[in-house]
């Protein structure tokens, strides 16, 4: 009976130490997954910001081009009338 009790206690000790190793492993996996997820979110946010910034630049360029053409046309018509 004492042999059986010793075996059960030994088994419990091994199981407990194994569970600690599994918990550390799972914590490491969770930490890596979290870092990858955060990196992907930051990358996506930067990509969205950059595309919106480029869209604004294109819009400003078009508006500037239109205003320059209007100014040029008005100058040409004024010169033509004078």
PDB file of N, CA and C in Angstrom:
ATOM      1  N   UNK A   1       0.824  -1.196   0.000  1.00  0.00           N
ATOM      2  CA  UNK A   1       0.000   0.000   0.000  1.00  0.00           C
ATOM      3  C   UNK A   1       0.867   1.258   0.000  1.00  0.00           C
ATOM      4  N   UNK A   2       1.937   1.239   0.789  1.00  0.00           N
ATOM      5  CA  UNK A   2       2.806   2.415   0.820  1.00  0.00           C
ATOM      6  C   UNK A   2       3.511   2.593  -0.521  1.00  0.00           C
ATOM      7  N   UNK A   3       3.797   1.467  -1.197  1.00  0.00           N
ATOM      8  CA  UNK A   3       4.393   1.548  -2.531  1.00  0.00           C
ATOM      9  C   UNK A   3       3.450   2.237  -3.506  1.00  0.00           C
ATOM     10  N   UNK A   4       2.196   1.889  -3.430  1.00  0.00           N
ATOM     11  CA  UNK A   4       1.183   2.484  -4.298  1.00  0.00           C
ATOM     12  C   UNK A   4       1.032   3.974  -4.007  1.00  0.00           C
ATOM     13  N   UNK A   5       1.044   4.313  -2.713  1.00  0.00           N
ATOM     14  CA  UNK A   5       0.920   5.718  -2.347  1.00  0.00           C
ATOM     15  C   UNK A   5       2.121   6.507  -2.855  1.00  0.00           C
ATOM     16  N   UNK A   6       3.309   5.911  -2.751  1.00  0.00           N
ATOM     17  CA  UNK A   6       4.515   6.574  -3.238  1.00  0.00           C
ATOM     18  C   UNK A   6       4.428   6.775  -4.752  1.00  0.00           C
ATOM     19  N   UNK A   7       3.940   5.778  -5.453  1.00  0.00           N
ATOM     20  CA  UNK A   7       3.809   5.882  -6.910  1.00  0.00           C
ATOM     21  C   UNK A   7       2.812   6.969  -7.289  1.00  0.00           C
ATOM     22  N   UNK A   8       1.719   7.050  -6.559  1.00  0.00           N
ATOM     23  CA  UNK A   8       0.711   8.072  -6.853  1.00  0.00           C
ATOM     24  C   UNK A   8       1.275   9.464  -6.580  1.00  0.00           C
ATOM     25  N   UNK A   9       1.985   9.619  -5.461  1.00  0.00           N
ATOM     26  CA  UNK A   9       2.592  10.918  -5.159  1.00  0.00           C
ATOM     27  C   UNK A   9       3.633  11.291  -6.209  1.00  0.00           C
ATOM     28  N   UNK A  10       4.434  10.291  -6.620  1.00  0.00           N
ATOM     29  CA  UNK A  10       5.445  10.532  -7.649  1.00  0.00           C
ATOM     30  C   UNK A  10       4.781  10.926  -8.967  1.00  0.00           C
ATOM     31  N   UNK A  11       3.701  10.250  -9.294  1.00  0.00           N
ATOM     32  CA  UNK A  11       2.960  10.557 -10.519  1.00  0.00           C
ATOM     33  C   UNK A  11       2.381  11.966 -10.465  1.00  0.00           C
ATOM     34  N   UNK A  12       1.844  12.335  -9.300  1.00  0.00           N
ATOM     35  CA  UNK A  12       1.298  13.686  -9.145  1.00  0.00           C
ATOM     36  C   UNK A  12       2.389  14.738  -9.321  1.00  0.00           C
ATOM     37  N   UNK A  13       3.562  14.473  -8.749  1.00  0.00           N
ATOM     38  CA  UNK A  13       4.674  15.414  -8.867  1.00  0.00           C
ATOM     39  C   UNK A  13       5.092  15.568 -10.326  1.00  0.00           C
ATOM     40  N   UNK A  14       5.208  14.453 -11.023  1.00  0.00           N
ATOM     41  CA  UNK A  14       5.590  14.511 -12.435  1.00  0.00           C
ATOM     42  C   UNK A  14       4.530  15.236 -13.257  1.00  0.00           C
ATOM     43  N   UNK A  15       3.283  14.965 -12.955  1.00  0.00           N
ATOM     44  CA  UNK A  15       2.195  15.607 -13.682  1.00  0.00           C
ATOM     45  C   UNK A  15       2.187  17.106 -13.429  1.00  0.00           C
ATOM     46  N   UNK A  16       2.391  17.485 -12.156  1.00  0.00           N
ATOM     47  CA  UNK A  16       2.421  18.912 -11.828  1.00  0.00           C
ATOM     48  C   UNK A  16       3.570  19.615 -12.537  1.00  0.00           C
ATOM     49  N   UNK A  17       4.748  19.005 -12.547  1.00  0.00           N
ATOM     50  CA  UNK A  17       5.882  19.638 -13.226  1.00  0.00           C
ATOM     51  C   UNK A  17       5.637  19.681 -14.731  1.00  0.00           C
ATOM     52  N   UNK A  18       5.000  18.649 -15.258  1.00  0.00           N
ATOM     53  CA  UNK A  18       4.665  18.641 -16.682  1.00  0.00           C
ATOM     54  C   UNK A  18       3.646  19.707 -17.019  1.00  0.00           C
ATOM     55  N   UNK A  19       2.682  19.911 -16.140  1.00  0.00           N
ATOM     56  CA  UNK A  19       1.672  20.943 -16.378  1.00  0.00           C
ATOM     57  C   UNK A  19       2.307  22.322 -16.379  1.00  0.00           C
ATOM     58  N   UNK A  20       3.283  22.509 -15.497  1.00  0.00           N
ATOM     59  CA  UNK A  20       3.965  23.804 -15.467  1.00  0.00           C
ATOM     60  C   UNK A  20       4.694  24.030 -16.787  1.00  0.00           C
ATOM     61  N   UNK A  21       5.348  22.987 -17.316  1.00  0.00           N
ATOM     62  CA  UNK A  21       6.039  23.116 -18.593  1.00  0.00           C
ATOM     63  C   UNK A  21       5.049  23.414 -19.714  1.00  0.00           C
ATOM     64  N   UNK A  22       3.911  22.745 -19.697  1.00  0.00           N
ATOM     65  CA  UNK A  22       2.895  22.985 -20.719  1.00  0.00           C
ATOM     66  C   UNK A  22       2.359  24.409 -20.606  1.00  0.00           C
ATOM     67  N   UNK A  23       2.143  24.872 -19.382  1.00  0.00           N
ATOM     68  CA  UNK A  23       1.649  26.236 -19.198  1.00  0.00           C
ATOM     69  C   UNK A  23       2.659  27.250 -19.713  1.00  0.00           C
ATOM     70  N   UNK A  24       3.952  27.024 -19.430  1.00  0.00           N
ATOM     71  CA  UNK A  24       4.984  27.935 -19.931  1.00  0.00           C
ATOM     72  C   UNK A  24       5.029  27.920 -21.454  1.00  0.00           C
ATOM     73  N   UNK A  25       4.900  26.729 -22.036  1.00  0.00           N
ATOM     74  CA  UNK A  25       4.899  26.609 -23.490  1.00  0.00           C
ATOM     75  C   UNK A  25       3.703  27.348 -24.089  1.00  0.00           C
ATOM     76  N   UNK A  26       2.524  27.128 -23.509  1.00  0.00           N
ATOM     77  CA  UNK A  26       1.328  27.798 -24.019  1.00  0.00           C
ATOM     78  C   UNK A  26       1.413  29.308 -23.838  1.00  0.00           C
ATOM     79  N   UNK A  27       2.004  29.746 -22.730  1.00  0.00           N
ATOM     80  CA  UNK A  27       2.189  31.180 -22.518  1.00  0.00           C
ATOM     81  C   UNK A  27       3.120  31.758 -23.578  1.00  0.00           C
ATOM     82  N   UNK A  28       4.178  31.024 -23.916  1.00  0.00           N
ATOM     83  CA  UNK A  28       5.096  31.465 -24.971  1.00  0.00           C
ATOM     84  C   UNK A  28       4.404  31.550 -26.318  1.00  0.00           C
ATOM     85  N   UNK A  29       3.602  30.541 -26.627  1.00  0.00           N
ATOM     86  CA  UNK A  29       2.851  30.544 -27.892  1.00  0.00           C
ATOM     87  C   UNK A  29       1.873  31.716 -27.917  1.00  0.00           C
ATOM     88  N   UNK A  30       1.180  31.941 -26.807  1.00  0.00           N
ATOM     89  CA  UNK A  30       0.234  33.054 -26.719  1.00  0.00           C
ATOM     90  C   UNK A  30       0.948  34.391 -26.890  1.00  0.00           C
ATOM     91  N   UNK A  31       2.114  34.524 -26.283  1.00  0.00           N
ATOM     92  CA  UNK A  31       2.886  35.757 -26.397  1.00  0.00           C
ATOM     93  C   UNK A  31       3.324  35.998 -27.838  1.00  0.00           C
ATOM     94  N   UNK A  32       3.802  34.947 -28.503  1.00  0.00           N
ATOM     95  CA  UNK A  32       4.213  35.081 -29.909  1.00  0.00           C
ATOM     96  C   UNK A  32       3.029  35.457 -30.796  1.00  0.00           C
ATOM     97  N   UNK A  33       1.901  34.804 -30.594  1.00  0.00           N
ATOM     98  CA  UNK A  33       0.705  35.114 -31.389  1.00  0.00           C
ATOM     99  C   UNK A  33       0.253  36.550 -31.147  1.00  0.00           C
ATOM    100  N   UNK A  34       0.345  36.992 -29.911  1.00  0.00           N
ATOM    101  CA  UNK A  34      -0.046  38.364 -29.594  1.00  0.00           C
ATOM    102  C   UNK A  34       0.867  39.362 -30.287  1.00  0.00           C
ATOM    103  N   UNK A  35       2.165  39.097 -30.262  1.00  0.00           N
ATOM    104  CA  UNK A  35       3.111  39.997 -30.930  1.00  0.00           C
ATOM    105  C   UNK A  35       2.867  40.043 -32.433  1.00  0.00           C
ATOM    106  N   UNK A  36       2.610  38.892 -33.027  1.00  0.00           N
ATOM    107  CA  UNK A  36       2.334  38.851 -34.467  1.00  0.00           C
ATOM    108  C   UNK A  36       1.057  39.621 -34.780  1.00  0.00           C
ATOM    109  N   UNK A  37       0.026  39.439 -33.970  1.00  0.00           N
ATOM    110  CA  UNK A  37      -1.243  40.137 -34.189  1.00  0.00           C
ATOM    111  C   UNK A  37      -1.070  41.643 -34.067  1.00  0.00           C
ATOM    112  N   UNK A  38      -0.362  42.083 -33.044  1.00  0.00           N
ATOM    113  CA  UNK A  38      -0.135  43.522 -32.859  1.00  0.00           C
ATOM    114  C   UNK A  38       0.653  44.081 -34.033  1.00  0.00           C
ATOM    115  N   UNK A  39       1.669  43.350 -34.485  1.00  0.00           N
ATOM    116  CA  UNK A  39       2.464  43.795 -35.629  1.00  0.00           C
ATOM    117  C   UNK A  39       1.599  43.917 -36.875  1.00  0.00           C
ATOM    118  N   UNK A  40       0.720  42.950 -37.099  1.00  0.00           N
ATOM    119  CA  UNK A  40      -0.157  43.010 -38.270  1.00  0.00           C
ATOM    120  C   UNK A  40      -1.130  44.184 -38.184  1.00  0.00           C
ATOM    121  N   UNK A  41      -1.671  44.448 -36.984  1.00  0.00           N
ATOM    122  CA  UNK A  41      -2.571  45.586 -36.824  1.00  0.00           C
ATOM    123  C   UNK A  41      -1.852  46.903 -37.085  1.00  0.00           C
ATOM    124  N   UNK A  42      -0.636  47.041 -36.573  1.00  0.00           N
ATOM    125  CA  UNK A  42       0.132  48.269 -36.799  1.00  0.00           C
ATOM    126  C   UNK A  42       0.441  48.424 -38.282  1.00  0.00           C
ATOM    127  N   UNK A  43       0.812  47.345 -38.930  1.00  0.00           N
ATOM    128  CA  UNK A  43       1.105  47.382 -40.362  1.00  0.00           C
ATOM    129  C   UNK A  43      -0.134  47.773 -41.164  1.00  0.00           C
ATOM    130  N   UNK A  44      -1.277  47.206 -40.813  1.00  0.00           N
ATOM    131  CA  UNK A  44      -2.519  47.541 -41.520  1.00  0.00           C
ATOM    132  C   UNK A  44      -2.895  49.001 -41.296  1.00  0.00           C
ATOM    133  N   UNK A  45      -2.744  49.481 -40.078  1.00  0.00           N
ATOM    134  CA  UNK A  45      -3.074  50.879 -39.786  1.00  0.00           C
ATOM    135  C   UNK A  45      -2.160  51.814 -40.566  1.00  0.00           C
ATOM    136  N   UNK A  46      -0.877  51.502 -40.627  1.00  0.00           N
ATOM    137  CA  UNK A  46       0.062  52.334 -41.377  1.00  0.00           C
ATOM    138  C   UNK A  46      -0.267  52.311 -42.863  1.00  0.00           C
ATOM    139  N   UNK A  47      -0.629  51.147 -43.374  1.00  0.00           N
ATOM    140  CA  UNK A  47      -0.978  51.027 -44.790  1.00  0.00           C
ATOM    141  C   UNK A  47      -2.220  51.852 -45.120  1.00  0.00           C
ATOM    142  N   UNK A  48      -3.231  51.793 -44.266  1.00  0.00           N
ATOM    143  CA  UNK A  48      -4.447  52.587 -44.477  1.00  0.00           C
ATOM    144  C   UNK A  48      -4.122  54.074 -44.422  1.00  0.00           C
ATOM    145  N   UNK A  49      -3.310  54.480 -43.443  1.00  0.00           N
ATOM    146  CA  UNK A  49      -2.924  55.885 -43.313  1.00  0.00           C
ATOM    147  C   UNK A  49      -2.179  56.353 -44.559  1.00  0.00           C
ATOM    148  N   UNK A  50      -1.258  55.518 -45.045  1.00  0.00           N
ATOM    149  CA  UNK A  50      -0.459  55.891 -46.217  1.00  0.00           C
ATOM    150  C   UNK A  50      -1.336  56.011 -47.464  1.00  0.00           C
ATOM    151  N   UNK A  51      -2.276  55.089 -47.647  1.00  0.00           N
ATOM    152  CA  UNK A  51      -3.137  55.156 -48.832  1.00  0.00           C
ATOM    153  C   UNK A  51      -4.041  56.384 -48.782  1.00  0.00           C
ATOM    154  N   UNK A  52      -4.546  56.725 -47.599  1.00  0.00           N
ATOM    155  CA  UNK A  52      -5.375  57.929 -47.476  1.00  0.00           C
ATOM    156  C   UNK A  52      -4.552  59.183 -47.732  1.00  0.00           C
ATOM    157  N   UNK A  53      -3.306  59.186 -47.260  1.00  0.00           N
ATOM    158  CA  UNK A  53      -2.435  60.329 -47.482  1.00  0.00           C
ATOM    159  C   UNK A  53      -2.162  60.497 -48.978  1.00  0.00           C
ATOM    160  N   UNK A  54      -1.908  59.394 -49.677  1.00  0.00           N
ATOM    161  CA  UNK A  54      -1.675  59.462 -51.119  1.00  0.00           C
ATOM    162  C   UNK A  54      -2.925  59.936 -51.852  1.00  0.00           C
ATOM    163  N   UNK A  55      -4.095  59.505 -51.388  1.00  0.00           N
ATOM    164  CA  UNK A  55      -5.348  59.941 -52.006  1.00  0.00           C
ATOM    165  C   UNK A  55      -5.519  61.450 -51.844  1.00  0.00           C
ATOM    166  N   UNK A  56      -5.188  61.967 -50.654  1.00  0.00           N
ATOM    167  CA  UNK A  56      -5.271  63.413 -50.426  1.00  0.00           C
ATOM    168  C   UNK A  56      -4.301  64.164 -51.326  1.00  0.00           C
ATOM    169  N   UNK A  57      -3.091  63.614 -51.476  1.00  0.00           N
ATOM    170  CA  UNK A  57      -2.102  64.261 -52.347  1.00  0.00           C
ATOM    171  C   UNK A  57      -2.618  64.337 -53.778  1.00  0.00           C
ATOM    172  N   UNK A  58      -3.183  63.242 -54.270  1.00  0.00           N
ATOM    173  CA  UNK A  58      -3.709  63.236 -55.639  1.00  0.00           C
ATOM    174  C   UNK A  58      -4.849  64.235 -55.796  1.00  0.00           C
ATOM    175  N   UNK A  59      -5.719  64.297 -54.794  1.00  0.00           N
ATOM    176  CA  UNK A  59      -6.839  65.232 -54.846  1.00  0.00           C
ATOM    177  C   UNK A  59      -6.328  66.675 -54.870  1.00  0.00           C
ATOM    178  N   UNK A  60      -5.347  66.984 -54.012  1.00  0.00           N
ATOM    179  CA  UNK A  60      -4.781  68.339 -53.994  1.00  0.00           C
ATOM    180  C   UNK A  60      -4.124  68.677 -55.320  1.00  0.00           C
ATOM    181  N   UNK A  61      -3.416  67.702 -55.902  1.00  0.00           N
ATOM    182  CA  UNK A  61      -2.759  67.939 -57.180  1.00  0.00           C
ATOM    183  C   UNK A  61      -3.790  68.227 -58.266  1.00  0.00           C
ATOM    184  N   UNK A  62      -4.895  67.467 -58.281  1.00  0.00           N
ATOM    185  CA  UNK A  62      -5.943  67.712 -59.279  1.00  0.00           C
ATOM    186  C   UNK A  62      -6.553  69.095 -59.098  1.00  0.00           C
ATOM    187  N   UNK A  63      -6.816  69.467 -57.828  1.00  0.00           N
ATOM    188  CA  UNK A  63      -7.399  70.787 -57.570  1.00  0.00           C
ATOM    189  C   UNK A  63      -6.438  71.892 -57.979  1.00  0.00           C
ATOM    190  N   UNK A  64      -5.165  71.722 -57.688  1.00  0.00           N
ATOM    191  CA  UNK A  64      -4.167  72.715 -58.074  1.00  0.00           C
ATOM    192  C   UNK A  64      -4.067  72.814 -59.588  1.00  0.00           C
ATOM    193  N   UNK A  65      -4.116  71.680 -60.251  1.00  0.00           N
ATOM    194  CA  UNK A  65      -4.049  71.661 -61.711  1.00  0.00           C
ATOM    195  C   UNK A  65      -5.262  72.377 -62.311  1.00  0.00           C
ATOM    196  N   UNK A  66      -6.451  72.122 -61.752  1.00  0.00           N
ATOM    197  CA  UNK A  66      -7.659  72.788 -62.241  1.00  0.00           C
ATOM    198  C   UNK A  66      -7.577  74.290 -62.029  1.00  0.00           C
ATOM    199  N   UNK A  67      -7.147  74.698 -60.836  1.00  0.00           N
ATOM    200  CA  UNK A  67      -7.077  76.136 -60.559  1.00  0.00           C
ATOM    201  C   UNK A  67      -6.031  76.807 -61.440  1.00  0.00           C
ATOM    202  N   UNK A  68      -4.923  76.131 -61.717  1.00  0.00           N
ATOM    203  CA  UNK A  68      -3.896  76.684 -62.602  1.00  0.00           C
ATOM    204  C   UNK A  68      -4.443  76.830 -64.010  1.00  0.00           C
ATOM    205  N   UNK A  69      -5.188  75.831 -64.480  1.00  0.00           N
ATOM    206  CA  UNK A  69      -5.777  75.916 -65.820  1.00  0.00           C
ATOM    207  C   UNK A  69      -6.796  77.048 -65.894  1.00  0.00           C
ATOM    208  N   UNK A  70      -7.606  77.205 -64.857  1.00  0.00           N
ATOM    209  CA  UNK A  70      -8.590  78.288 -64.843  1.00  0.00           C
ATOM    210  C   UNK A  70      -7.895  79.640 -64.870  1.00  0.00           C
ATOM    211  N   UNK A  71      -6.834  79.768 -64.063  1.00  0.00           N
ATOM    212  CA  UNK A  71      -6.092  81.021 -64.027  1.00  0.00           C
ATOM    213  C   UNK A  71      -5.463  81.308 -65.388  1.00  0.00           C
ATOM    214  N   UNK A  72      -4.883  80.272 -65.998  1.00  0.00           N
ATOM    215  CA  UNK A  72      -4.260  80.432 -67.311  1.00  0.00           C
ATOM    216  C   UNK A  72      -5.305  80.829 -68.343  1.00  0.00           C
ATOM    217  N   UNK A  73      -6.461  80.190 -68.308  1.00  0.00           N
ATOM    218  CA  UNK A  73      -7.531  80.526 -69.252  1.00  0.00           C
ATOM    219  C   UNK A  73      -8.012  81.955 -69.050  1.00  0.00           C
ATOM    220  N   UNK A  74      -8.148  82.369 -67.796  1.00  0.00           N
ATOM    221  CA  UNK A  74      -8.616  83.734 -67.554  1.00  0.00           C
ATOM    222  C   UNK A  74      -7.579  84.755 -68.007  1.00  0.00           C
ATOM    223  N   UNK A  75      -6.303  84.460 -67.813  1.00  0.00           N
ATOM    224  CA  UNK A  75      -5.250  85.377 -68.277  1.00  0.00           C
ATOM    225  C   UNK A  75      -5.265  85.451 -69.794  1.00  0.00           C
ATOM    226  N   UNK A  76      -5.409  84.314 -70.448  1.00  0.00           N
ATOM    227  CA  UNK A  76      -5.434  84.292 -71.912  1.00  0.00           C
ATOM    228  C   UNK A  76      -6.640  85.063 -72.449  1.00  0.00           C
ATOM    229  N   UNK A  77      -7.791  84.910 -71.831  1.00  0.00           N
ATOM    230  CA  UNK A  77      -8.973  85.632 -72.316  1.00  0.00           C
ATOM    231  C   UNK A  77      -8.825  87.130 -72.060  1.00  0.00           C
ATOM    232  N   UNK A  78      -8.212  87.505 -70.941  1.00  0.00           N
ATOM    233  CA  UNK A  78      -7.985  88.927 -70.680  1.00  0.00           C
ATOM    234  C   UNK A  78      -7.020  89.512 -71.696  1.00  0.00           C
ATOM    235  N   UNK A  79      -5.971  88.782 -72.013  1.00  0.00           N
ATOM    236  CA  UNK A  79      -5.009  89.269 -73.006  1.00  0.00           C
ATOM    237  C   UNK A  79      -5.656  89.338 -74.385  1.00  0.00           C
ATOM    238  N   UNK A  80      -6.511  88.378 -74.670  1.00  0.00           N
ATOM    239  CA  UNK A  80      -7.197  88.372 -75.961  1.00  0.00           C
ATOM    240  C   UNK A  80      -8.186  89.520 -76.083  1.00  0.00           C
ATOM    241  N   UNK A  81      -8.792  89.936 -74.982  1.00  0.00           N
ATOM    242  CA  UNK A  81      -9.762  91.028 -75.022  1.00  0.00           C
ATOM    243  C   UNK A  81      -9.066  92.376 -75.100  1.00  0.00           C
ATOM    244  N   UNK A  82      -7.878  92.460 -74.521  1.00  0.00           N
ATOM    245  CA  UNK A  82      -7.152  93.737 -74.540  1.00  0.00           C
ATOM    246  C   UNK A  82      -6.435  93.832 -75.821  1.00  0.00           C
TER     247      UNK A  82
END
